Amino acid sequence: MLISLTPKQVFLLMHLLSELALQRWLMQALQEWDEAGVAREGSVLSTLFTAAHAGEELEPDDLLMLLIHISLAGNGPTAMAIGNAAMNLAENADALAKLRAEPALIPAAVDELLRFDSATHAVARFALKDTKLGARKIKAGDSLYAMIGAANRDPSEFAFPDALDFERAENRHLSFGFGMHFCLGAPLARLEMQAAIEALMARFGQFSVVEAERGGSFMVRGPRRLVIAPG
């Protein structure tokens, strides 16, 4: 039997085969690293191996998923958050001028910029049991999207939600999640954003957008390209 594939389908198939090959290689590498004891003491990998040997219900697939998630979550979303912060500062001259005049506000500005334009736009969740949310009935196993971007602009939670306010008294945004799903890397992401903002202001002073192009996906978003200039 012959199957005719379009160029796009061939590309997608090759991409899938590459991912499967990488997954098999990583699974084999994890097993070899565990048996050889090469994971550095105190590292993420060592901690996961120790938990698995101590009786935690961590299958090889779980270990692989956690390693991939930790690696990606600490890279792309943080870079997009920094890009979003730079773009929104450049587009809000008064807010940027206030921050330059009062650098002590930078930690609060980081959280406000995260609320104002979160890199994490939506997260997927799966219902464990039948439930009801408002007028909508949700069945066990249904998949849903929690819209972080919308929650961060909820007028019942934030006064003047569409304003960029670095002196906002209560800023319980959900850009890092909540409860058991709270981001493990939140403190590091905040430090990285603070360092980036300080560096941008030190180099450019007051700056504006020359060119910007949105990128990312439905779930995670940020500038694909951002060009700023002094003034």
N, C-alpha and C. Protein backbone atom coordinates (compact mmCIF):
# COMPACT_ATOMS: atom_id res chain seq x y z
N MET A 1 0.85 -1.19 0.00
CA MET A 1 0.00 0.00 0.00
C MET A 1 0.89 1.25 0.00
N LEU A 2 0.60 2.16 -0.89
CA LEU A 2 1.35 3.40 -0.98
C LEU A 2 0.59 4.52 -0.28
N ILE A 3 1.32 5.36 0.45
CA ILE A 3 0.71 6.51 1.13
C ILE A 3 1.35 7.78 0.58
N SER A 4 0.52 8.69 0.15
CA SER A 4 1.01 9.96 -0.39
C SER A 4 0.99 11.02 0.71
N LEU A 5 2.14 11.63 0.97
CA LEU A 5 2.25 12.65 2.00
C LEU A 5 2.64 13.98 1.39
N THR A 6 2.05 15.04 1.92
CA THR A 6 2.43 16.38 1.48
C THR A 6 3.77 16.75 2.12
N PRO A 7 4.48 17.75 1.58
CA PRO A 7 5.74 18.18 2.21
C PRO A 7 5.59 18.54 3.68
N LYS A 8 4.48 19.17 4.04
CA LYS A 8 4.25 19.54 5.44
C LYS A 8 4.10 18.30 6.30
N GLN A 9 3.37 17.29 5.80
CA GLN A 9 3.19 16.05 6.55
C GLN A 9 4.51 15.31 6.72
N VAL A 10 5.35 15.34 5.69
CA VAL A 10 6.67 14.72 5.79
C VAL A 10 7.51 15.40 6.87
N PHE A 11 7.45 16.75 6.89
CA PHE A 11 8.19 17.52 7.89
C PHE A 11 7.72 17.15 9.29
N LEU A 12 6.40 17.10 9.49
CA LEU A 12 5.85 16.79 10.81
C LEU A 12 6.22 15.37 11.23
N LEU A 13 6.20 14.44 10.28
CA LEU A 13 6.56 13.06 10.58
C LEU A 13 8.03 12.96 10.99
N MET A 14 8.91 13.65 10.28
CA MET A 14 10.33 13.63 10.61
C MET A 14 10.57 14.26 11.98
N HIS A 15 9.82 15.33 12.27
CA HIS A 15 9.93 15.99 13.57
C HIS A 15 9.52 15.04 14.68
N LEU A 16 8.42 14.30 14.46
CA LEU A 16 7.94 13.35 15.47
C LEU A 16 8.95 12.23 15.68
N LEU A 17 9.50 11.69 14.59
CA LEU A 17 10.49 10.62 14.70
C LEU A 17 11.74 11.10 15.43
N SER A 18 12.14 12.34 15.18
CA SER A 18 13.31 12.91 15.87
C SER A 18 13.05 13.01 17.37
N GLU A 19 11.84 13.46 17.74
CA GLU A 19 11.49 13.58 19.16
C GLU A 19 11.48 12.21 19.84
N LEU A 20 10.93 11.19 19.14
CA LEU A 20 10.89 9.85 19.71
C LEU A 20 12.30 9.30 19.90
N ALA A 21 13.17 9.56 18.91
CA ALA A 21 14.56 9.10 19.02
C ALA A 21 15.26 9.78 20.18
N LEU A 22 15.03 11.09 20.34
CA LEU A 22 15.63 11.82 21.46
C LEU A 22 15.11 11.30 22.79
N GLN A 23 13.82 11.01 22.85
CA GLN A 23 13.23 10.49 24.08
C GLN A 23 13.86 9.15 24.45
N ARG A 24 14.04 8.26 23.46
CA ARG A 24 14.66 6.95 23.74
C ARG A 24 16.09 7.13 24.23
N TRP A 25 16.82 8.07 23.62
CA TRP A 25 18.21 8.31 24.03
C TRP A 25 18.26 8.82 25.46
N LEU A 26 17.36 9.76 25.79
CA LEU A 26 17.35 10.32 27.14
C LEU A 26 16.98 9.27 28.17
N MET A 27 16.03 8.41 27.83
CA MET A 27 15.62 7.35 28.76
C MET A 27 16.80 6.42 29.04
N GLN A 28 17.55 6.05 28.00
CA GLN A 28 18.71 5.20 28.17
C GLN A 28 19.79 5.91 28.98
N ALA A 29 19.99 7.21 28.68
CA ALA A 29 20.99 7.98 29.41
C ALA A 29 20.64 8.08 30.89
N LEU A 30 19.37 8.29 31.21
CA LEU A 30 18.95 8.37 32.61
C LEU A 30 19.28 7.09 33.35
N GLN A 31 18.99 5.96 32.72
CA GLN A 31 19.28 4.68 33.35
C GLN A 31 20.77 4.50 33.58
N GLU A 32 21.58 4.86 32.59
CA GLU A 32 23.03 4.71 32.71
C GLU A 32 23.59 5.66 33.77
N TRP A 33 23.09 6.90 33.81
CA TRP A 33 23.56 7.86 34.81
C TRP A 33 23.22 7.40 36.21
N ASP A 34 22.01 6.84 36.36
CA ASP A 34 21.57 6.37 37.67
C ASP A 34 22.46 5.21 38.14
N GLU A 35 22.71 4.24 37.25
CA GLU A 35 23.51 3.08 37.61
C GLU A 35 24.95 3.46 37.89
N ALA A 36 25.47 4.45 37.15
CA ALA A 36 26.87 4.85 37.32
C ALA A 36 27.07 5.84 38.46
N GLY A 37 25.96 6.41 38.96
CA GLY A 37 26.06 7.37 40.06
C GLY A 37 26.79 8.64 39.68
N VAL A 38 26.55 9.12 38.44
CA VAL A 38 27.31 10.30 37.96
C VAL A 38 26.63 11.62 38.32
N ALA A 39 25.40 11.58 38.81
CA ALA A 39 24.70 12.83 39.13
C ALA A 39 25.38 13.53 40.30
N ARG A 40 25.67 14.80 40.14
CA ARG A 40 26.37 15.57 41.17
C ARG A 40 25.49 15.71 42.41
N GLU A 41 26.10 15.55 43.57
CA GLU A 41 25.38 15.65 44.85
C GLU A 41 24.67 17.00 44.95
N GLY A 42 23.38 16.98 45.26
CA GLY A 42 22.60 18.20 45.41
C GLY A 42 22.01 18.73 44.12
N SER A 43 22.33 18.10 42.99
CA SER A 43 21.77 18.56 41.71
C SER A 43 20.32 18.11 41.58
N VAL A 44 19.61 18.69 40.62
CA VAL A 44 18.22 18.30 40.38
C VAL A 44 18.14 16.82 40.05
N LEU A 45 19.05 16.36 39.18
CA LEU A 45 19.03 14.96 38.77
C LEU A 45 19.28 14.04 39.96
N SER A 46 20.25 14.38 40.81
CA SER A 46 20.55 13.59 42.00
C SER A 46 19.34 13.53 42.94
N THR A 47 18.67 14.67 43.11
CA THR A 47 17.50 14.73 43.98
C THR A 47 16.39 13.82 43.47
N LEU A 48 16.17 13.83 42.14
CA LEU A 48 15.13 12.98 41.55
C LEU A 48 15.48 11.50 41.71
N PHE A 49 16.75 11.14 41.47
CA PHE A 49 17.17 9.75 41.63
C PHE A 49 16.99 9.30 43.08
N THR A 50 17.39 10.16 44.02
CA THR A 50 17.27 9.83 45.45
C THR A 50 15.82 9.60 45.83
N ALA A 51 14.93 10.48 45.33
CA ALA A 51 13.50 10.34 45.63
C ALA A 51 12.95 9.03 45.07
N ALA A 52 13.38 8.68 43.85
CA ALA A 52 12.90 7.44 43.23
C ALA A 52 13.36 6.22 44.03
N HIS A 53 14.62 6.24 44.50
CA HIS A 53 15.15 5.10 45.26
C HIS A 53 14.53 5.03 46.67
N ALA A 54 14.04 6.18 47.16
CA ALA A 54 13.45 6.22 48.50
C ALA A 54 11.99 5.77 48.51
N GLY A 55 11.47 5.43 47.34
CA GLY A 55 10.10 4.92 47.30
C GLY A 55 9.08 5.84 46.68
N GLU A 56 9.50 7.04 46.23
CA GLU A 56 8.57 7.92 45.55
C GLU A 56 8.09 7.25 44.26
N GLU A 57 6.85 7.49 43.92
CA GLU A 57 6.29 6.87 42.71
C GLU A 57 6.74 7.66 41.48
N LEU A 58 8.01 7.49 41.13
CA LEU A 58 8.59 8.17 39.98
C LEU A 58 9.06 7.13 38.97
N GLU A 59 8.30 6.97 37.92
CA GLU A 59 8.69 6.07 36.84
C GLU A 59 9.71 6.79 35.95
N PRO A 60 10.44 6.05 35.13
CA PRO A 60 11.39 6.70 34.21
C PRO A 60 10.75 7.79 33.36
N ASP A 61 9.52 7.56 32.91
CA ASP A 61 8.82 8.59 32.14
C ASP A 61 8.61 9.86 32.96
N ASP A 62 8.32 9.68 34.26
CA ASP A 62 8.11 10.83 35.14
C ASP A 62 9.41 11.63 35.29
N LEU A 63 10.52 10.92 35.48
CA LEU A 63 11.82 11.59 35.61
C LEU A 63 12.15 12.40 34.36
N LEU A 64 11.91 11.79 33.21
CA LEU A 64 12.19 12.47 31.95
C LEU A 64 11.33 13.71 31.80
N MET A 65 10.03 13.58 32.11
CA MET A 65 9.12 14.71 32.00
C MET A 65 9.53 15.85 32.92
N LEU A 66 9.92 15.51 34.15
CA LEU A 66 10.31 16.54 35.11
C LEU A 66 11.57 17.26 34.67
N LEU A 67 12.55 16.51 34.17
CA LEU A 67 13.79 17.14 33.70
C LEU A 67 13.53 18.08 32.54
N ILE A 68 12.72 17.62 31.58
CA ILE A 68 12.40 18.47 30.42
C ILE A 68 11.64 19.71 30.87
N HIS A 69 10.67 19.51 31.76
CA HIS A 69 9.84 20.64 32.20
C HIS A 69 10.68 21.67 32.95
N ILE A 70 11.54 21.19 33.86
CA ILE A 70 12.37 22.12 34.64
C ILE A 70 13.31 22.89 33.71
N SER A 71 13.87 22.19 32.72
CA SER A 71 14.80 22.85 31.79
C SER A 71 14.11 23.91 30.95
N LEU A 72 12.95 23.55 30.39
CA LEU A 72 12.24 24.48 29.51
C LEU A 72 11.62 25.63 30.28
N ALA A 73 11.03 25.31 31.44
CA ALA A 73 10.34 26.35 32.21
C ALA A 73 11.30 27.41 32.70
N GLY A 74 12.56 27.04 32.91
CA GLY A 74 13.53 28.02 33.39
C GLY A 74 14.19 28.80 32.28
N ASN A 75 13.78 28.55 31.05
CA ASN A 75 14.44 29.19 29.92
C ASN A 75 13.46 30.06 29.14
N GLY A 76 12.61 29.44 28.33
CA GLY A 76 11.72 30.19 27.45
C GLY A 76 10.80 31.18 28.15
N PRO A 77 10.00 30.73 29.14
CA PRO A 77 9.08 31.67 29.79
C PRO A 77 9.77 32.87 30.45
N THR A 78 10.95 32.63 31.05
CA THR A 78 11.67 33.75 31.68
C THR A 78 12.15 34.74 30.63
N ALA A 79 12.68 34.22 29.52
CA ALA A 79 13.12 35.10 28.44
C ALA A 79 11.94 35.91 27.89
N MET A 80 10.79 35.26 27.75
CA MET A 80 9.60 35.96 27.26
C MET A 80 9.11 36.99 28.28
N ALA A 81 9.21 36.66 29.56
CA ALA A 81 8.79 37.61 30.60
C ALA A 81 9.68 38.86 30.57
N ILE A 82 10.98 38.67 30.37
CA ILE A 82 11.90 39.81 30.27
C ILE A 82 11.57 40.64 29.04
N GLY A 83 11.28 39.96 27.92
CA GLY A 83 10.89 40.68 26.71
C GLY A 83 9.61 41.46 26.89
N ASN A 84 8.62 40.84 27.53
CA ASN A 84 7.36 41.54 27.80
C ASN A 84 7.58 42.76 28.68
N ALA A 85 8.42 42.59 29.71
CA ALA A 85 8.70 43.70 30.63
C ALA A 85 9.37 44.86 29.89
N ALA A 86 10.38 44.55 29.08
CA ALA A 86 11.08 45.60 28.33
C ALA A 86 10.13 46.32 27.38
N MET A 87 9.28 45.56 26.69
CA MET A 87 8.35 46.16 25.74
C MET A 87 7.33 47.06 26.43
N ASN A 88 6.81 46.60 27.57
CA ASN A 88 5.80 47.41 28.26
C ASN A 88 6.40 48.63 28.94
N LEU A 89 7.63 48.54 29.40
CA LEU A 89 8.30 49.73 29.93
C LEU A 89 8.54 50.74 28.82
N ALA A 90 8.97 50.24 27.66
CA ALA A 90 9.24 51.13 26.53
C ALA A 90 7.97 51.81 26.04
N GLU A 91 6.84 51.13 26.17
CA GLU A 91 5.58 51.68 25.68
C GLU A 91 4.86 52.52 26.73
N ASN A 92 5.37 52.55 27.96
CA ASN A 92 4.77 53.35 29.04
C ASN A 92 5.83 54.28 29.61
N ALA A 93 6.03 55.40 28.92
CA ALA A 93 7.13 56.32 29.25
C ALA A 93 7.04 56.84 30.68
N ASP A 94 5.84 57.16 31.15
CA ASP A 94 5.69 57.70 32.50
C ASP A 94 6.09 56.66 33.55
N ALA A 95 5.68 55.41 33.33
CA ALA A 95 6.02 54.35 34.27
C ALA A 95 7.53 54.11 34.29
N LEU A 96 8.14 54.14 33.13
CA LEU A 96 9.60 53.95 33.05
C LEU A 96 10.32 55.10 33.74
N ALA A 97 9.86 56.34 33.53
CA ALA A 97 10.49 57.50 34.16
C ALA A 97 10.38 57.41 35.68
N LYS A 98 9.23 56.94 36.17
CA LYS A 98 9.06 56.79 37.62
C LYS A 98 10.02 55.75 38.18
N LEU A 99 10.20 54.66 37.43
CA LEU A 99 11.08 53.60 37.89
C LEU A 99 12.54 54.07 37.90
N ARG A 100 12.92 54.88 36.92
CA ARG A 100 14.28 55.42 36.89
C ARG A 100 14.51 56.38 38.05
N ALA A 101 13.46 57.12 38.40
CA ALA A 101 13.58 58.08 39.49
C ALA A 101 13.55 57.40 40.85
N GLU A 102 12.87 56.23 40.92
CA GLU A 102 12.74 55.51 42.19
C GLU A 102 13.11 54.04 41.99
N PRO A 103 14.40 53.73 41.85
CA PRO A 103 14.82 52.35 41.59
C PRO A 103 14.45 51.36 42.69
N ALA A 104 14.13 51.87 43.88
CA ALA A 104 13.70 50.98 44.96
C ALA A 104 12.40 50.28 44.61
N LEU A 105 11.69 50.80 43.61
CA LEU A 105 10.42 50.19 43.19
C LEU A 105 10.61 49.00 42.25
N ILE A 106 11.85 48.71 41.86
CA ILE A 106 12.07 47.68 40.85
C ILE A 106 11.51 46.31 41.26
N PRO A 107 11.71 45.82 42.50
CA PRO A 107 11.12 44.52 42.87
C PRO A 107 9.60 44.51 42.71
N ALA A 108 8.94 45.58 43.14
CA ALA A 108 7.48 45.66 42.97
C ALA A 108 7.12 45.78 41.50
N ALA A 109 7.97 46.47 40.72
CA ALA A 109 7.72 46.64 39.29
C ALA A 109 7.77 45.30 38.57
N VAL A 110 8.67 44.42 39.01
CA VAL A 110 8.77 43.09 38.40
C VAL A 110 7.45 42.36 38.51
N ASP A 111 6.86 42.35 39.71
CA ASP A 111 5.58 41.66 39.89
C ASP A 111 4.46 42.34 39.13
N GLU A 112 4.48 43.67 39.08
CA GLU A 112 3.42 44.37 38.35
C GLU A 112 3.54 44.12 36.85
N LEU A 113 4.76 44.06 36.33
CA LEU A 113 4.96 43.77 34.92
C LEU A 113 4.54 42.33 34.60
N LEU A 114 4.78 41.42 35.53
CA LEU A 114 4.32 40.04 35.35
C LEU A 114 2.80 39.97 35.33
N ARG A 115 2.16 40.72 36.20
CA ARG A 115 0.69 40.75 36.20
C ARG A 115 0.15 41.39 34.94
N PHE A 116 0.75 42.49 34.55
CA PHE A 116 0.27 43.30 33.43
C PHE A 116 0.32 42.54 32.11
N ASP A 117 1.38 41.75 31.92
CA ASP A 117 1.56 41.04 30.65
C ASP A 117 2.32 39.75 30.93
N SER A 118 1.61 38.74 31.40
CA SER A 118 2.23 37.50 31.82
C SER A 118 2.73 36.69 30.63
N ALA A 119 3.94 36.15 30.75
CA ALA A 119 4.45 35.26 29.70
C ALA A 119 3.61 33.99 29.64
N THR A 120 3.20 33.50 30.80
CA THR A 120 2.30 32.34 30.85
C THR A 120 0.88 32.84 30.67
N HIS A 121 0.34 32.60 29.49
CA HIS A 121 -0.99 33.13 29.15
C HIS A 121 -2.10 32.19 29.58
N ALA A 122 -1.85 30.89 29.49
CA ALA A 122 -2.86 29.89 29.85
C ALA A 122 -2.17 28.62 30.31
N VAL A 123 -2.84 27.86 31.18
CA VAL A 123 -2.33 26.56 31.61
C VAL A 123 -3.45 25.53 31.47
N ALA A 124 -3.07 24.32 31.11
CA ALA A 124 -4.05 23.24 30.93
C ALA A 124 -4.28 22.53 32.25
N ARG A 125 -5.52 22.17 32.50
CA ARG A 125 -5.88 21.40 33.68
C ARG A 125 -6.89 20.32 33.27
N PHE A 126 -6.95 19.24 34.06
CA PHE A 126 -7.85 18.13 33.78
C PHE A 126 -8.71 17.87 35.00
N ALA A 127 -10.01 17.78 34.79
CA ALA A 127 -10.95 17.57 35.89
C ALA A 127 -10.81 16.15 36.44
N LEU A 128 -10.65 16.03 37.76
CA LEU A 128 -10.54 14.72 38.39
C LEU A 128 -11.90 14.11 38.69
N LYS A 129 -12.92 14.95 38.76
CA LYS A 129 -14.27 14.45 39.04
C LYS A 129 -15.28 15.40 38.43
N ASP A 130 -16.52 14.95 38.32
CA ASP A 130 -17.59 15.82 37.82
C ASP A 130 -17.73 17.02 38.75
N THR A 131 -17.85 18.18 38.16
CA THR A 131 -18.00 19.39 38.97
C THR A 131 -18.77 20.44 38.17
N LYS A 132 -18.99 21.57 38.78
CA LYS A 132 -19.72 22.66 38.13
C LYS A 132 -18.98 23.95 38.39
N LEU A 133 -18.76 24.72 37.36
CA LEU A 133 -18.08 26.00 37.48
C LEU A 133 -18.99 27.05 36.87
N GLY A 134 -19.59 27.87 37.73
CA GLY A 134 -20.61 28.80 37.23
C GLY A 134 -21.79 28.01 36.69
N ALA A 135 -22.16 28.29 35.45
CA ALA A 135 -23.27 27.57 34.83
C ALA A 135 -22.79 26.38 33.99
N ARG A 136 -21.48 26.18 33.93
CA ARG A 136 -20.90 25.13 33.07
C ARG A 136 -20.68 23.83 33.86
N LYS A 137 -21.18 22.73 33.32
CA LYS A 137 -20.94 21.42 33.92
C LYS A 137 -19.67 20.83 33.32
N ILE A 138 -18.80 20.34 34.19
CA ILE A 138 -17.53 19.78 33.76
C ILE A 138 -17.47 18.32 34.20
N LYS A 139 -17.17 17.44 33.25
CA LYS A 139 -17.12 16.02 33.55
C LYS A 139 -15.69 15.59 33.88
N ALA A 140 -15.60 14.53 34.67
CA ALA A 140 -14.29 13.97 35.00
C ALA A 140 -13.54 13.62 33.71
N GLY A 141 -12.29 14.03 33.64
CA GLY A 141 -11.49 13.76 32.45
C GLY A 141 -11.49 14.89 31.44
N ASP A 142 -12.40 15.85 31.59
CA ASP A 142 -12.44 16.99 30.66
C ASP A 142 -11.17 17.83 30.82
N SER A 143 -10.68 18.35 29.70
CA SER A 143 -9.53 19.26 29.75
C SER A 143 -10.02 20.69 29.70
N LEU A 144 -9.36 21.56 30.44
CA LEU A 144 -9.74 22.96 30.52
C LEU A 144 -8.50 23.83 30.45
N TYR A 145 -8.70 25.09 30.10
CA TYR A 145 -7.61 26.06 30.14
C TYR A 145 -7.92 27.11 31.19
N ALA A 146 -6.99 27.30 32.12
CA ALA A 146 -7.10 28.40 33.07
C ALA A 146 -6.39 29.60 32.44
N MET A 147 -7.13 30.67 32.20
CA MET A 147 -6.59 31.82 31.48
C MET A 147 -5.91 32.78 32.46
N ILE A 148 -4.60 32.62 32.58
CA ILE A 148 -3.82 33.43 33.52
C ILE A 148 -3.86 34.91 33.13
N GLY A 149 -3.75 35.18 31.83
CA GLY A 149 -3.78 36.57 31.38
C GLY A 149 -5.05 37.28 31.78
N ALA A 150 -6.19 36.58 31.69
CA ALA A 150 -7.47 37.18 32.07
C ALA A 150 -7.57 37.35 33.58
N ALA A 151 -7.12 36.33 34.33
CA ALA A 151 -7.19 36.40 35.79
C ALA A 151 -6.37 37.57 36.32
N ASN A 152 -5.24 37.84 35.67
CA ASN A 152 -4.37 38.94 36.11
C ASN A 152 -4.94 40.32 35.80
N ARG A 153 -6.01 40.37 35.02
CA ARG A 153 -6.68 41.65 34.74
C ARG A 153 -8.10 41.65 35.30
N ASP A 154 -8.36 40.78 36.27
CA ASP A 154 -9.69 40.66 36.87
C ASP A 154 -10.00 41.92 37.69
N PRO A 155 -11.01 42.71 37.28
CA PRO A 155 -11.31 43.95 38.01
C PRO A 155 -11.83 43.73 39.42
N SER A 156 -12.31 42.52 39.72
CA SER A 156 -12.77 42.25 41.08
C SER A 156 -11.59 41.98 42.02
N GLU A 157 -10.41 41.75 41.46
CA GLU A 157 -9.20 41.48 42.25
C GLU A 157 -8.23 42.65 42.22
N PHE A 158 -8.18 43.36 41.08
CA PHE A 158 -7.21 44.44 40.90
C PHE A 158 -7.92 45.75 40.53
N ALA A 159 -7.70 46.79 41.32
CA ALA A 159 -8.24 48.11 40.97
C ALA A 159 -7.51 48.63 39.73
N PHE A 160 -8.28 49.16 38.79
CA PHE A 160 -7.71 49.68 37.53
C PHE A 160 -6.74 48.65 36.93
N PRO A 161 -7.25 47.48 36.56
CA PRO A 161 -6.37 46.38 36.12
C PRO A 161 -5.59 46.66 34.85
N ASP A 162 -6.05 47.59 34.03
CA ASP A 162 -5.36 47.88 32.77
C ASP A 162 -4.29 48.96 32.91
N ALA A 163 -4.07 49.39 34.15
CA ALA A 163 -3.03 50.40 34.42
C ALA A 163 -1.79 49.72 34.96
N LEU A 164 -0.63 50.24 34.53
CA LEU A 164 0.65 49.74 35.03
C LEU A 164 1.02 50.55 36.26
N ASP A 165 0.85 49.96 37.44
CA ASP A 165 1.01 50.68 38.70
C ASP A 165 2.05 49.98 39.58
N PHE A 166 3.23 50.58 39.70
CA PHE A 166 4.30 49.96 40.48
C PHE A 166 4.12 50.12 41.98
N GLU A 167 3.10 50.85 42.39
CA GLU A 167 2.82 51.01 43.82
C GLU A 167 1.51 50.32 44.19
N ARG A 168 1.13 49.33 43.42
CA ARG A 168 -0.10 48.58 43.69
C ARG A 168 0.03 47.89 45.05
N ALA A 169 -0.94 48.10 45.92
CA ALA A 169 -0.87 47.59 47.30
C ALA A 169 -0.98 46.07 47.34
N GLU A 170 -1.96 45.52 46.67
CA GLU A 170 -2.17 44.07 46.65
C GLU A 170 -1.94 43.58 45.23
N ASN A 171 -0.98 42.69 45.07
CA ASN A 171 -0.67 42.20 43.73
C ASN A 171 -0.54 40.67 43.75
N ARG A 172 -1.66 40.03 43.93
CA ARG A 172 -1.68 38.56 44.01
C ARG A 172 -1.90 37.99 42.61
N HIS A 173 -0.97 38.28 41.71
CA HIS A 173 -1.11 37.78 40.34
C HIS A 173 -0.83 36.27 40.30
N LEU A 174 -1.21 35.65 39.19
CA LEU A 174 -1.08 34.20 39.05
C LEU A 174 -0.05 33.80 38.00
N SER A 175 0.86 34.70 37.67
CA SER A 175 1.83 34.42 36.62
C SER A 175 2.77 33.27 36.97
N PHE A 176 2.92 33.00 38.27
CA PHE A 176 3.74 31.86 38.71
C PHE A 176 2.88 30.70 39.20
N GLY A 177 1.60 30.76 38.93
CA GLY A 177 0.72 29.70 39.39
C GLY A 177 0.25 29.94 40.82
N PHE A 178 -0.25 28.85 41.45
CA PHE A 178 -0.81 28.99 42.80
C PHE A 178 -0.79 27.63 43.47
N GLY A 179 -0.62 27.65 44.80
CA GLY A 179 -0.71 26.41 45.58
C GLY A 179 0.33 25.39 45.17
N MET A 180 -0.10 24.14 45.01
CA MET A 180 0.83 23.05 44.69
C MET A 180 1.43 23.21 43.30
N HIS A 181 0.84 24.08 42.47
CA HIS A 181 1.36 24.30 41.12
C HIS A 181 2.25 25.55 41.04
N PHE A 182 2.58 26.15 42.18
CA PHE A 182 3.39 27.36 42.16
C PHE A 182 4.77 27.06 41.57
N CYS A 183 5.26 27.97 40.74
CA CYS A 183 6.52 27.77 40.01
C CYS A 183 7.71 27.65 40.96
N LEU A 184 8.48 26.56 40.81
CA LEU A 184 9.66 26.35 41.65
C LEU A 184 10.73 27.42 41.40
N GLY A 185 10.76 27.94 40.17
CA GLY A 185 11.80 28.89 39.81
C GLY A 185 11.41 30.34 39.96
N ALA A 186 10.30 30.62 40.64
CA ALA A 186 9.83 32.00 40.77
C ALA A 186 10.88 32.95 41.35
N PRO A 187 11.56 32.60 42.45
CA PRO A 187 12.57 33.53 42.99
C PRO A 187 13.68 33.84 41.99
N LEU A 188 14.14 32.81 41.26
CA LEU A 188 15.19 33.03 40.27
C LEU A 188 14.69 33.89 39.11
N ALA A 189 13.47 33.63 38.65
CA ALA A 189 12.90 34.42 37.55
C ALA A 189 12.77 35.88 37.95
N ARG A 190 12.35 36.14 39.18
CA ARG A 190 12.23 37.52 39.66
C ARG A 190 13.60 38.21 39.67
N LEU A 191 14.64 37.49 40.15
CA LEU A 191 15.99 38.07 40.18
C LEU A 191 16.50 38.36 38.77
N GLU A 192 16.23 37.45 37.85
CA GLU A 192 16.67 37.65 36.46
C GLU A 192 15.98 38.85 35.84
N MET A 193 14.68 38.99 36.09
CA MET A 193 13.95 40.14 35.56
C MET A 193 14.45 41.44 36.16
N GLN A 194 14.71 41.43 37.47
CA GLN A 194 15.21 42.63 38.13
C GLN A 194 16.56 43.04 37.55
N ALA A 195 17.46 42.06 37.35
CA ALA A 195 18.78 42.35 36.79
C ALA A 195 18.66 42.89 35.37
N ALA A 196 17.74 42.32 34.59
CA ALA A 196 17.56 42.77 33.21
C ALA A 196 17.04 44.20 33.15
N ILE A 197 16.07 44.51 34.00
CA ILE A 197 15.51 45.87 34.01
C ILE A 197 16.57 46.88 34.43
N GLU A 198 17.34 46.54 35.47
CA GLU A 198 18.42 47.44 35.92
C GLU A 198 19.43 47.67 34.81
N ALA A 199 19.79 46.60 34.09
CA ALA A 199 20.77 46.72 33.01
C ALA A 199 20.23 47.57 31.86
N LEU A 200 18.95 47.39 31.52
CA LEU A 200 18.35 48.18 30.44
C LEU A 200 18.33 49.66 30.79
N MET A 201 17.94 49.99 32.02
CA MET A 201 17.88 51.40 32.42
C MET A 201 19.27 52.00 32.51
N ALA A 202 20.26 51.20 32.96
CA ALA A 202 21.63 51.72 33.05
C ALA A 202 22.20 52.01 31.67
N ARG A 203 21.86 51.20 30.70
CA ARG A 203 22.44 51.37 29.37
C ARG A 203 21.68 52.38 28.52
N PHE A 204 20.34 52.34 28.58
CA PHE A 204 19.54 53.17 27.67
C PHE A 204 18.89 54.37 28.34
N GLY A 205 18.78 54.35 29.68
CA GLY A 205 18.02 55.41 30.33
C GLY A 205 16.56 55.28 29.96
N GLN A 206 16.00 56.35 29.42
CA GLN A 206 14.63 56.28 28.90
C GLN A 206 14.70 55.67 27.50
N PHE A 207 13.87 54.67 27.23
CA PHE A 207 13.94 54.02 25.92
C PHE A 207 12.54 53.77 25.36
N SER A 208 12.47 53.55 24.06
CA SER A 208 11.19 53.34 23.38
C SER A 208 11.32 52.22 22.37
N VAL A 209 10.18 51.73 21.91
CA VAL A 209 10.16 50.61 20.96
C VAL A 209 10.40 51.14 19.54
N VAL A 210 11.34 50.52 18.85
CA VAL A 210 11.58 50.80 17.44
C VAL A 210 10.83 49.78 16.58
N GLU A 211 10.90 48.54 17.01
CA GLU A 211 10.23 47.46 16.27
C GLU A 211 9.88 46.35 17.23
N ALA A 212 8.69 45.79 17.09
CA ALA A 212 8.26 44.69 17.95
C ALA A 212 7.39 43.73 17.17
N GLU A 213 7.61 42.45 17.43
CA GLU A 213 6.80 41.41 16.81
C GLU A 213 6.47 40.37 17.88
N ARG A 214 5.19 40.13 18.09
CA ARG A 214 4.76 39.15 19.08
C ARG A 214 5.08 37.74 18.61
N GLY A 215 5.40 36.88 19.57
CA GLY A 215 5.68 35.49 19.25
C GLY A 215 5.15 34.58 20.34
N GLY A 216 5.66 33.36 20.38
CA GLY A 216 5.21 32.40 21.36
C GLY A 216 4.03 31.59 20.85
N SER A 217 3.19 31.17 21.76
CA SER A 217 2.05 30.33 21.43
C SER A 217 0.84 30.75 22.23
N PHE A 218 -0.22 29.96 22.14
CA PHE A 218 -1.41 30.24 22.94
C PHE A 218 -1.11 30.14 24.43
N MET A 219 -0.22 29.22 24.79
CA MET A 219 0.06 28.97 26.20
C MET A 219 1.08 29.95 26.78
N VAL A 220 2.14 30.20 26.03
CA VAL A 220 3.23 31.06 26.50
C VAL A 220 3.54 32.08 25.40
N ARG A 221 3.65 33.34 25.78
CA ARG A 221 3.81 34.37 24.75
C ARG A 221 4.84 35.42 25.19
N GLY A 222 5.44 36.02 24.17
CA GLY A 222 6.41 37.07 24.39
C GLY A 222 6.90 37.57 23.06
N PRO A 223 7.73 38.60 23.04
CA PRO A 223 8.20 39.14 21.76
C PRO A 223 9.08 38.13 21.01
N ARG A 224 8.77 37.96 19.73
CA ARG A 224 9.66 37.18 18.87
C ARG A 224 10.87 38.03 18.49
N ARG A 225 10.59 39.34 18.32
CA ARG A 225 11.65 40.30 17.99
C ARG A 225 11.30 41.62 18.66
N LEU A 226 12.28 42.22 19.31
CA LEU A 226 12.05 43.50 19.99
C LEU A 226 13.30 44.36 19.82
N VAL A 227 13.11 45.51 19.22
CA VAL A 227 14.20 46.48 19.03
C VAL A 227 13.84 47.74 19.81
N ILE A 228 14.71 48.17 20.71
CA ILE A 228 14.48 49.40 21.48
C ILE A 228 15.64 50.34 21.23
N ALA A 229 15.40 51.61 21.52
CA ALA A 229 16.42 52.63 21.34
C ALA A 229 16.25 53.70 22.41
N PRO A 230 17.34 54.41 22.77
CA PRO A 230 17.21 55.47 23.76
C PRO A 230 16.23 56.55 23.32
N GLY A 231 15.57 57.11 24.30
CA GLY A 231 14.67 58.24 23.99
C GLY A 231 13.22 57.87 24.07
